[in-house]
C-alpha atoms as a PDB file:
ATOM      1  CA  MET A   1     106.236  83.429 105.059  1.00  0.00           C
ATOM      2  CA  SER A   2     102.980  81.680 105.347  1.00  0.00           C
ATOM      3  CA  ASP A   3     101.538  80.018 102.134  1.00  0.00           C
ATOM      4  CA  ASP A   4      98.434  82.488 102.648  1.00  0.00           C
ATOM      5  CA  THR A   5     100.937  85.477 102.373  1.00  0.00           C
ATOM      6  CA  TRP A   6     103.147  83.698  99.089  1.00  0.00           C
ATOM      7  CA  HIS A   7      99.551  83.879  97.627  1.00  0.00           C
ATOM      8  CA  LEU A   8      98.373  87.111  98.328  1.00  0.00           C
ATOM      9  CA  SER A   9     101.755  88.534  96.953  1.00  0.00           C
ATOM     10  CA  GLU A  10     101.454  86.330  93.701  1.00  0.00           C
ATOM     11  CA  LEU A  11      98.052  88.281  93.451  1.00  0.00           C
ATOM     12  CA  VAL A  12      99.534  91.470  93.748  1.00  0.00           C
ATOM     13  CA  TRP A  13     102.265  90.930  91.742  1.00  0.00           C
ATOM     14  CA  SER A  14     100.075  89.636  88.973  1.00  0.00           C
ATOM     15  CA  VAL A  15      99.656  93.555  88.128  1.00  0.00           C
ATOM     16  CA  ALA A  16     103.070  92.786  86.108  1.00  0.00           C
ATOM     17  CA  ASP A  17     101.214  91.073  83.451  1.00  0.00           C
ATOM     18  CA  LEU A  18      99.325  94.056  83.186  1.00  0.00           C
ATOM     19  CA  LEU A  19     102.916  96.057  82.435  1.00  0.00           C
ATOM     20  CA  ARG A  20     104.561  94.064  79.977  1.00  0.00           C
ATOM     21  CA  GLY A  21     105.619  96.013  77.068  1.00  0.00           C
ATOM     22  CA  ASP A  22     105.061  99.541  78.438  1.00  0.00           C
ATOM     23  CA  PHE A  23     107.468  98.907  81.615  1.00  0.00           C
ATOM     24  CA  LYS A  24     110.599  97.464  81.948  1.00  0.00           C
ATOM     25  CA  PRO A  25     110.952  94.329  84.500  1.00  0.00           C
ATOM     26  CA  SER A  26     113.072  96.588  86.461  1.00  0.00           C
ATOM     27  CA  GLU A  27     110.307  99.424  86.597  1.00  0.00           C
ATOM     28  CA  TYR A  28     107.317  97.237  87.606  1.00  0.00           C
ATOM     29  CA  GLY A  29     108.223  97.674  91.333  1.00  0.00           C
ATOM     30  CA  ARG A  30     107.561 101.663  90.593  1.00  0.00           C
ATOM     31  CA  VAL A  31     103.882 100.754  89.905  1.00  0.00           C
ATOM     32  CA  ILE A  32     103.085  97.754  92.233  1.00  0.00           C
ATOM     33  CA  LEU A  33     104.371  99.001  95.471  1.00  0.00           C
ATOM     34  CA  PRO A  34     102.962 102.671  95.391  1.00  0.00           C
ATOM     35  CA  PHE A  35      99.749 101.199  94.749  1.00  0.00           C
ATOM     36  CA  THR A  36      99.806  98.368  97.124  1.00  0.00           C
ATOM     37  CA  VAL A  37     100.700 101.119  99.836  1.00  0.00           C
ATOM     38  CA  LEU A  38      97.617 103.130  98.310  1.00  0.00           C
ATOM     39  CA  ARG A  39      95.169 100.170  98.563  1.00  0.00           C
ATOM     40  CA  ARG A  40      96.193  99.160 102.119  1.00  0.00           C
ATOM     41  CA  LEU A  41      95.242 102.411 103.336  1.00  0.00           C
ATOM     42  CA  ASP A  42      92.298 102.978 101.131  1.00  0.00           C
ATOM     43  CA  CYS A  43      91.200  99.731 103.231  1.00  0.00           C
ATOM     44  CA  LEU A  44      92.212 100.551 106.493  1.00  0.00           C
ATOM     45  CA  LEU A  45      90.191 104.286 106.385  1.00  0.00           C
ATOM     46  CA  ALA A  46      87.228 102.664 104.868  1.00  0.00           C
ATOM     47  CA  PRO A  47      85.140 102.222 108.125  1.00  0.00           C
ATOM     48  CA  SER A  48      86.197 105.741 109.584  1.00  0.00           C
ATOM     49  CA  ARG A  49      85.665 107.661 105.992  1.00  0.00           C
ATOM     50  CA  GLN A  50      82.289 109.330 106.771  1.00  0.00           C
ATOM     51  CA  ALA A  51      83.576 110.172 111.043  1.00  0.00           C
ATOM     52  CA  VAL A  52      86.279 111.796 109.196  1.00  0.00           C
ATOM     53  CA  LEU A  53      84.441 113.654 106.944  1.00  0.00           C
ATOM     54  CA  ASP A  54      82.102 114.745 109.528  1.00  0.00           C
ATOM     55  CA  GLU A  55      85.078 116.105 111.259  1.00  0.00           C
ATOM     56  CA  ALA A  56      86.307 117.795 109.007  1.00  0.00           C
ATOM     57  CA  GLU A  57      83.694 119.697 108.171  1.00  0.00           C
ATOM     58  CA  ARG A  58      83.335 121.151 112.169  1.00  0.00           C
ATOM     59  CA  THR A  59      86.868 121.704 112.763  1.00  0.00           C
ATOM     60  CA  ASP A  60      88.895 124.833 112.196  1.00  0.00           C
ATOM     61  CA  GLY A  61      92.373 125.916 112.912  1.00  0.00           C
ATOM     62  CA  GLU A  62      95.446 123.386 111.178  1.00  0.00           C
ATOM     63  CA  GLN A  63      97.058 122.240 114.736  1.00  0.00           C
ATOM     64  CA  GLU A  64      93.632 121.186 115.850  1.00  0.00           C
ATOM     65  CA  ARG A  65      92.425 119.792 112.450  1.00  0.00           C
ATOM     66  CA  GLU A  66      95.004 117.651 112.279  1.00  0.00           C
ATOM     67  CA  GLN A  67      94.630 115.991 115.577  1.00  0.00           C
ATOM     68  CA  ARG A  68      90.956 115.375 115.359  1.00  0.00           C
ATOM     69  CA  LEU A  69      91.373 114.250 112.178  1.00  0.00           C
ATOM     70  CA  THR A  70      93.729 111.600 112.823  1.00  0.00           C
ATOM     71  CA  ALA A  71      91.944 110.780 115.735  1.00  0.00           C
ATOM     72  CA  ALA A  72      88.819 110.403 114.199  1.00  0.00           C
ATOM     73  CA  SER A  73      90.370 107.838 111.379  1.00  0.00           C
ATOM     74  CA  GLY A  74      91.766 105.820 114.498  1.00  0.00           C
ATOM     75  CA  TRP A  75      95.312 105.734 112.791  1.00  0.00           C
ATOM     76  CA  PRO A  76      98.310 108.009 112.573  1.00  0.00           C
ATOM     77  CA  PHE A  77      96.694 109.117 109.036  1.00  0.00           C
ATOM     78  CA  TYR A  78      93.575 110.294 107.639  1.00  0.00           C
ATOM     79  CA  LYS A  79      91.825 111.178 104.521  1.00  0.00           C
ATOM     80  CA  VAL A  80      89.711 113.793 103.933  1.00  0.00           C
ATOM     81  CA  SER A  81      88.570 113.377 100.258  1.00  0.00           C
ATOM     82  CA  PRO A  82      84.975 111.228  99.908  1.00  0.00           C
ATOM     83  CA  PHE A  83      86.451 109.248  97.329  1.00  0.00           C
ATOM     84  CA  SER A  84      87.898 105.986  97.145  1.00  0.00           C
ATOM     85  CA  MET A  85      90.139 103.795  94.380  1.00  0.00           C
ATOM     86  CA  GLU A  86      86.949 102.374  93.626  1.00  0.00           C
ATOM     87  CA  SER A  87      85.457 105.599  93.178  1.00  0.00           C
ATOM     88  CA  VAL A  88      87.963 106.008  90.075  1.00  0.00           C
ATOM     89  CA  LEU A  89      86.548 103.131  88.084  1.00  0.00           C
ATOM     90  CA  SER A  90      83.619 105.116  87.866  1.00  0.00           C
ATOM     91  CA  ASP A  91      84.913 107.463  84.931  1.00  0.00           C
ATOM     92  CA  PRO A  92      87.463 105.816  82.875  1.00  0.00           C
ATOM     93  CA  GLU A  93      88.338 108.739  81.172  1.00  0.00           C
ATOM     94  CA  LYS A  94      89.293 111.340  84.024  1.00  0.00           C
ATOM     95  CA  ALA A  95      90.849 107.943  85.788  1.00  0.00           C
ATOM     96  CA  ASP A  96      94.369 109.908  86.020  1.00  0.00           C
ATOM     97  CA  ARG A  97      92.715 113.057  87.562  1.00  0.00           C
ATOM     98  CA  MET A  98      90.408 111.526  90.081  1.00  0.00           C
ATOM     99  CA  LEU A  99      93.155 109.107  91.715  1.00  0.00           C
ATOM    100  CA  LEU A 100      95.858 112.106  91.742  1.00  0.00           C
ATOM    101  CA  GLY A 101      92.355 114.267  93.740  1.00  0.00           C
ATOM    102  CA  HIS A 102      92.007 110.728  95.819  1.00  0.00           C
ATOM    103  CA  VAL A 103      95.583 111.048  96.856  1.00  0.00           C
ATOM    104  CA  ASP A 104      95.668 114.668  97.865  1.00  0.00           C
ATOM    105  CA  GLY A 105      92.863 114.216  99.988  1.00  0.00           C
ATOM    106  CA  TYR A 106      95.120 112.211 102.417  1.00  0.00           C
ATOM    107  CA  SER A 107      97.027 113.467 105.357  1.00  0.00           C
ATOM    108  CA  GLN A 108     100.550 114.823 104.456  1.00  0.00           C
ATOM    109  CA  ASN A 109     102.564 112.091 105.661  1.00  0.00           C
ATOM    110  CA  VAL A 110     100.753 109.619 103.355  1.00  0.00           C
ATOM    111  CA  ARG A 111     101.302 112.480 100.329  1.00  0.00           C
ATOM    112  CA  GLU A 112     104.933 112.785 101.115  1.00  0.00           C
ATOM    113  CA  LEU A 113     105.187 108.914 101.178  1.00  0.00           C
ATOM    114  CA  LEU A 114     103.776 108.607  97.748  1.00  0.00           C
ATOM    115  CA  ASP A 115     106.399 111.259  96.162  1.00  0.00           C
ATOM    116  CA  GLY A 116     108.550 109.536  97.449  1.00  0.00           C
ATOM    117  CA  PHE A 117     107.824 106.818  94.642  1.00  0.00           C
ATOM    118  CA  GLU A 118     107.040 109.628  92.129  1.00  0.00           C
ATOM    119  CA  PHE A 119     103.614 108.687  92.000  1.00  0.00           C
ATOM    120  CA  GLU A 120     102.168 111.331  89.873  1.00  0.00           C
ATOM    121  CA  ARG A 121     104.366 110.617  87.419  1.00  0.00           C
ATOM    122  CA  THR A 122     103.896 107.002  87.247  1.00  0.00           C
ATOM    123  CA  VAL A 123     100.110 107.787  86.971  1.00  0.00           C
ATOM    124  CA  ALA A 124     100.781 110.127  83.931  1.00  0.00           C
ATOM    125  CA  ARG A 125     102.470 107.390  82.407  1.00  0.00           C
ATOM    126  CA  LEU A 126     100.176 104.456  82.929  1.00  0.00           C
ATOM    127  CA  TYR A 127      96.790 107.218  81.667  1.00  0.00           C
ATOM    128  CA  GLN A 128      98.855 107.454  78.613  1.00  0.00           C
ATOM    129  CA  ALA A 129      99.267 103.778  77.817  1.00  0.00           C
ATOM    130  CA  ARG A 130      95.948 102.816  78.983  1.00  0.00           C
ATOM    131  CA  LEU A 131      96.844 101.002  81.762  1.00  0.00           C
ATOM    132  CA  LEU A 132      95.871 102.915  84.855  1.00  0.00           C
ATOM    133  CA  TYR A 133      91.912 102.103  84.739  1.00  0.00           C
ATOM    134  CA  HIS A 134      93.024  98.154  84.316  1.00  0.00           C
ATOM    135  CA  VAL A 135      95.805  98.554  87.143  1.00  0.00           C
ATOM    136  CA  VAL A 136      93.126 100.439  89.409  1.00  0.00           C
ATOM    137  CA  ALA A 137      90.580  97.769  89.254  1.00  0.00           C
ATOM    138  CA  GLN A 138      92.907  95.113  89.539  1.00  0.00           C
ATOM    139  CA  PHE A 139      94.214  96.293  93.119  1.00  0.00           C
ATOM    140  CA  VAL A 140      90.258  97.138  93.672  1.00  0.00           C
ATOM    141  CA  SER A 141      89.747  93.376  93.659  1.00  0.00           C
ATOM    142  CA  ILE A 142      92.276  92.964  96.461  1.00  0.00           C
ATOM    143  CA  ASP A 143      91.169  93.616 100.068  1.00  0.00           C
ATOM    144  CA  LEU A 144      94.201  94.780 101.896  1.00  0.00           C
ATOM    145  CA  GLY A 145      91.861  95.405 104.991  1.00  0.00           C
ATOM    146  CA  GLN A 146      92.256  94.683 108.753  1.00  0.00           C
ATOM    147  CA  MET A 147      91.567  90.913 107.935  1.00  0.00           C
ATOM    148  CA  ILE A 148      95.373  91.393 106.923  1.00  0.00           C
ATOM    149  CA  THR A 149      97.573  91.587 109.893  1.00  0.00           C
ATOM    150  CA  ASP A 150     100.384  93.913 110.371  1.00  0.00           C
ATOM    151  CA  ASP A 151     102.862  91.036 110.216  1.00  0.00           C
ATOM    152  CA  ARG A 152     101.387  89.448 107.352  1.00  0.00           C
ATOM    153  CA  MET A 153     101.226  92.947 105.465  1.00  0.00           C
ATOM    154  CA  GLU A 154     104.972  93.676 106.811  1.00  0.00           C
ATOM    155  CA  SER A 155     105.777  90.039 104.827  1.00  0.00           C
ATOM    156  CA  LEU A 156     104.098  90.988 101.815  1.00  0.00           C
ATOM    157  CA  PHE A 157     105.563  94.246 101.445  1.00  0.00           C
ATOM    158  CA  GLU A 158     109.142  92.757 102.129  1.00  0.00           C
ATOM    159  CA  GLU A 159     108.436  90.032  99.261  1.00  0.00           C
ATOM    160  CA  LEU A 160     107.465  92.557  96.834  1.00  0.00           C
ATOM    161  CA  VAL A 161     110.313  94.540  97.324  1.00  0.00           C
ATOM    162  CA  ARG A 162     112.407  91.433  96.885  1.00  0.00           C
ATOM    163  CA  ARG A 163     110.823  90.728  93.818  1.00  0.00           C
ATOM    164  CA  PHE A 164     111.483  94.100  92.674  1.00  0.00           C
ATOM    165  CA  ALA A 165     114.637  94.258  93.514  1.00  0.00           C
ATOM    166  CA  GLU A 166     115.300  90.861  91.715  1.00  0.00           C
ATOM    167  CA  SER A 167     113.818  92.313  88.582  1.00  0.00           C
ATOM    168  CA  GLY A 168     116.207  95.025  88.802  1.00  0.00           C
ATOM    169  CA  ASN A 169     119.206  93.378  89.378  1.00  0.00           C
ATOM    170  CA  GLU A 170     119.608  94.467  92.616  1.00  0.00           C
ATOM    171  CA  SER A 171     120.235  92.566  95.928  1.00  0.00           C
ATOM    172  CA  SER A 172     117.181  92.391  98.533  1.00  0.00           C
ATOM    173  CA  GLY A 173     119.592  93.146 101.209  1.00  0.00           C
ATOM    174  CA  GLU A 174     119.910  96.974  99.879  1.00  0.00           C
ATOM    175  CA  HIS A 175     116.376  97.261 100.921  1.00  0.00           C
ATOM    176  CA  TYR A 176     115.153  94.964 104.266  1.00  0.00           C
ATOM    177  CA  THR A 177     116.946  92.908 107.108  1.00  0.00           C
ATOM    178  CA  PRO A 178     115.747  89.253 106.858  1.00  0.00           C
ATOM    179  CA  ARG A 179     113.043  88.469 109.402  1.00  0.00           C
ATOM    180  CA  ASP A 180     115.110  86.027 111.577  1.00  0.00           C
ATOM    181  CA  VAL A 181     118.257  88.620 111.689  1.00  0.00           C
ATOM    182  CA  ALA A 182     115.747  91.617 112.621  1.00  0.00           C
ATOM    183  CA  HIS A 183     114.675  89.115 115.334  1.00  0.00           C
ATOM    184  CA  LEU A 184     117.427  88.222 116.695  1.00  0.00           C
ATOM    185  CA  MET A 185     119.381  91.704 116.566  1.00  0.00           C
ATOM    186  CA  ALA A 186     115.637  93.467 118.359  1.00  0.00           C
ATOM    187  CA  GLY A 187     116.176  90.630 121.007  1.00  0.00           C
ATOM    188  CA  PHE A 188     119.491  91.957 121.942  1.00  0.00           C
ATOM    189  CA  LEU A 189     118.790  95.635 121.775  1.00  0.00           C
ATOM    190  CA  VAL A 190     115.737  95.267 124.107  1.00  0.00           C
ATOM    191  CA  SER A 191     116.704  92.270 126.313  1.00  0.00           C
ATOM    192  CA  ALA A 192     119.317  94.146 128.133  1.00  0.00           C
ATOM    193  CA  ASP A 193     116.550  96.880 129.494  1.00  0.00           C
ATOM    194  CA  SER A 194     113.923  94.434 130.336  1.00  0.00           C
ATOM    195  CA  ASP A 195     113.643  95.719 133.675  1.00  0.00           C
ATOM    196  CA  VAL A 196     113.023  99.280 132.809  1.00  0.00           C
ATOM    197  CA  LEU A 197     110.577  98.422 129.834  1.00  0.00           C
ATOM    198  CA  THR A 198     108.591  96.314 132.137  1.00  0.00           C
ATOM    199  CA  SER A 199     107.841  99.166 134.458  1.00  0.00           C
ATOM    200  CA  PRO A 200     104.004 100.580 134.311  1.00  0.00           C
ATOM    201  CA  HIS A 201     104.999 103.979 132.924  1.00  0.00           C
ATOM    202  CA  ALA A 202     107.996 102.716 130.290  1.00  0.00           C
ATOM    203  CA  VAL A 203     108.818 104.955 127.817  1.00  0.00           C
ATOM    204  CA  ARG A 204     111.379 104.108 124.788  1.00  0.00           C
ATOM    205  CA  THR A 205     112.221 105.664 120.897  1.00  0.00           C
ATOM    206  CA  ILE A 206     113.699 103.785 118.623  1.00  0.00           C
ATOM    207  CA  LEU A 207     115.821 104.721 115.536  1.00  0.00           C
ATOM    208  CA  ASP A 208     117.151 103.124 112.694  1.00  0.00           C
ATOM    209  CA  PRO A 209     119.217 105.851 110.345  1.00  0.00           C
ATOM    210  CA  THR A 210     118.933 102.974 107.631  1.00  0.00           C
ATOM    211  CA  CYS A 211     115.875 101.932 107.514  1.00  0.00           C
ATOM    212  CA  GLY A 212     114.432 100.352 104.183  1.00  0.00           C
ATOM    213  CA  THR A 213     111.233  98.909 105.284  1.00  0.00           C
ATOM    214  CA  ALA A 214     111.415  99.607 108.456  1.00  0.00           C
ATOM    215  CA  GLY A 215     111.650  95.714 109.826  1.00  0.00           C
ATOM    216  CA  LEU A 216     113.708  96.247 112.729  1.00  0.00           C
ATOM    217  CA  LEU A 217     111.803  98.919 113.927  1.00  0.00           C
ATOM    218  CA  THR A 218     108.812  97.062 113.851  1.00  0.00           C
ATOM    219  CA  GLU A 219     110.516  93.994 115.383  1.00  0.00           C
ATOM    220  CA  ALA A 220     111.955  95.728 118.292  1.00  0.00           C
ATOM    221  CA  ALA A 221     108.281  97.103 119.236  1.00  0.00           C
ATOM    222  CA  SER A 222     107.016  94.093 119.020  1.00  0.00           C
ATOM    223  CA  TYR A 223     109.628  92.822 121.119  1.00  0.00           C
ATOM    224  CA  ILE A 224     108.710  95.279 123.551  1.00  0.00           C
ATOM    225  CA  ALA A 225     104.942  95.119 122.857  1.00  0.00           C
ATOM    226  CA  SER A 226     105.470  91.870 124.004  1.00  0.00           C
ATOM    227  CA  MET A 227     106.953  92.309 127.383  1.00  0.00           C
ATOM    228  CA  ASN A 228     104.612  95.403 128.319  1.00  0.00           C
ATOM    229  CA  PRO A 229     101.715  96.198 126.314  1.00  0.00           C
ATOM    230  CA  ARG A 230     101.327  99.142 127.656  1.00  0.00           C
ATOM    231  CA  ALA A 231     104.960 100.549 127.036  1.00  0.00           C
ATOM    232  CA  ASP A 232     104.949 103.978 124.733  1.00  0.00           C
ATOM    233  CA  VAL A 233     107.295 103.181 121.795  1.00  0.00           C
ATOM    234  CA  THR A 234     108.104 105.715 119.356  1.00  0.00           C
ATOM    235  CA  LEU A 235     110.104 104.710 116.024  1.00  0.00           C
ATOM    236  CA  TYR A 236     111.885 106.444 113.575  1.00  0.00           C
ATOM    237  CA  GLY A 237     113.426 105.464 110.572  1.00  0.00           C
ATOM    238  CA  GLN A 238     115.228 107.403 107.623  1.00  0.00           C
ATOM    239  CA  GLY A 239     116.607 105.764 104.769  1.00  0.00           C
ATOM    240  CA  ASP A 240     118.338 106.476 100.974  1.00  0.00           C
ATOM    241  CA  GLN A 241     115.785 104.976  99.037  1.00  0.00           C
ATOM    242  CA  PRO A 242     112.637 107.179  98.999  1.00  0.00           C
ATOM    243  CA  GLY A 243     109.578 104.614  98.595  1.00  0.00           C
ATOM    244  CA  VAL A 244     110.711 101.458 100.156  1.00  0.00           C
ATOM    245  CA  MET A 245     108.972 101.137 103.103  1.00  0.00           C
ATOM    246  CA  GLY A 246     106.498  99.347 104.523  1.00  0.00           C
ATOM    247  CA  ASP A 247     102.875 100.133 106.195  1.00  0.00           C
ATOM    248  CA  LEU A 248     104.172 101.440 109.718  1.00  0.00           C
ATOM    249  CA  PRO A 249     103.379 104.312 112.033  1.00  0.00           C
ATOM    250  CA  CYS A 250     106.838 105.141 112.312  1.00  0.00           C
ATOM    251  CA  HIS A 251     108.159 108.488 111.331  1.00  0.00           C
ATOM    252  CA  TYR A 252     109.816 108.358 107.891  1.00  0.00           C
ATOM    253  CA  ASP A 253     111.804 110.601 106.372  1.00  0.00           C
ATOM    254  CA  GLY A 254     112.818 108.928 102.908  1.00  0.00           C
ATOM    255  CA  GLN A 255     112.375 112.278 100.876  1.00  0.00           C
ATOM    256  CA  ARG A 256     115.695 113.779 102.704  1.00  0.00           C
ATOM    257  CA  PRO A 257     118.560 111.001 102.738  1.00  0.00           C
ATOM    258  CA  PRO A 258     120.490 113.045 104.575  1.00  0.00           C
ATOM    259  CA  GLY A 259     118.132 114.484 107.360  1.00  0.00           C
ATOM    260  CA  LEU A 260     115.996 113.094 109.927  1.00  0.00           C
ATOM    261  CA  ASP A 261     111.739 113.297 111.124  1.00  0.00           C
ATOM    262  CA  ASP A 262     111.410 117.061 112.251  1.00  0.00           C
ATOM    263  CA  ARG A 263     109.999 115.852 115.505  1.00  0.00           C
ATOM    264  CA  LEU A 264     113.438 114.063 115.604  1.00  0.00           C
ATOM    265  CA  ARG A 265     115.451 116.783 114.922  1.00  0.00           C
ATOM    266  CA  LYS A 266     113.816 119.011 117.623  1.00  0.00           C
ATOM    267  CA  ARG A 267     114.326 116.101 120.282  1.00  0.00           C
ATOM    268  CA  LEU A 268     118.324 115.996 119.054  1.00  0.00           C
ATOM    269  CA  ARG A 269     118.368 119.886 119.676  1.00  0.00           C
ATOM    270  CA  ARG A 270     117.166 119.701 123.118  1.00  0.00           C
ATOM    271  CA  GLY A 271     119.410 117.096 123.563  1.00  0.00           C
ATOM    272  CA  ARG A 272     117.155 114.442 124.090  1.00  0.00           C
ATOM    273  CA  ALA A 273     118.544 111.649 121.437  1.00  0.00           C
ATOM    274  CA  PRO A 274     116.675 108.211 120.972  1.00  0.00           C
ATOM    275  CA  ARG A 275     117.195 105.549 123.772  1.00  0.00           C
ATOM    276  CA  ASN A 276     118.054 102.995 121.060  1.00  0.00           C
ATOM    277  CA  ARG A 277     119.412 102.656 117.839  1.00  0.00           C
ATOM    278  CA  LEU A 278     119.448  99.614 115.415  1.00  0.00           C
ATOM    279  CA  ARG A 279     121.645  99.716 112.249  1.00  0.00           C
ATOM    280  CA  LEU A 280     122.040  97.410 109.708  1.00  0.00           C
ATOM    281  CA  PRO A 281     123.779  98.661 106.358  1.00  0.00           C
ATOM    282  CA  PRO A 282     124.293  96.427 103.471  1.00  0.00           C
ATOM    283  CA  GLY A 283     127.556  94.164 104.115  1.00  0.00           C
ATOM    284  CA  GLN A 284     127.564  95.322 107.643  1.00  0.00           C
ATOM    285  CA  SER A 285     125.836  94.072 110.939  1.00  0.00           C
ATOM    286  CA  ALA A 286     125.678  96.212 114.193  1.00  0.00           C
ATOM    287  CA  VAL A 287     123.419  96.838 117.121  1.00  0.00           C
ATOM    288  CA  ARG A 288     124.077  99.930 119.045  1.00  0.00           C
ATOM    289  CA  ARG A 289     122.619 100.859 122.495  1.00  0.00           C
END
């Protein structure tokens, strides 16, 4: 991890100073992780906010709306609320309602992700402790926009998860795979199919059924992109730790541990299983093709 990322993680984790006394150290991550995700998404969507709002006004039909708003945002998610985290600071007395209203404006995939953190309960607890305004203000002061690369954001999130695990006397390996191990595993998996993956119309689906922060998935996708930038790669992740996930464009099902993403279920019913599977459960190491 670079010095810049370490300093950024120190800045984000400093929110813990506000939580002392009202939250146990083992609970800090339950506040810091979802707010980090929300701030990242808020910053990424800021440039396309008006375009999405304009598209929402002229689009009818649920399926068409979903496609058009996603295209307008430029990301696999969107937000139809005109508000931002900064807007919450305009009325401290209504900060809880404004923040939850802001979250309700996000696409379903984001709302489900935040539900995995029990975000609404956390917001209510922060508001009752008169901490919500201060926590939001702290995160608003941190720029997590596109100047923070995907790799740096993943490293930041993994560092935050590590601190969260340590504060609760857990092993950080329960939630993510060390980056050097992930890189090695992805290399073994992808290099075996290098001839196919370098073809002009390469298509690949990858599944990690114990994905944690999805580091294995993104390493595999990055490895393929370095070989063939035009390759069409779809990532699927599943985990039994709701809310433990990085800022990743994958189909993630942390809400239903035994299940898989709905689109993945349909693929499996049609006999179209993912071409590659990566898995590293706690205490084990495995690569499957």
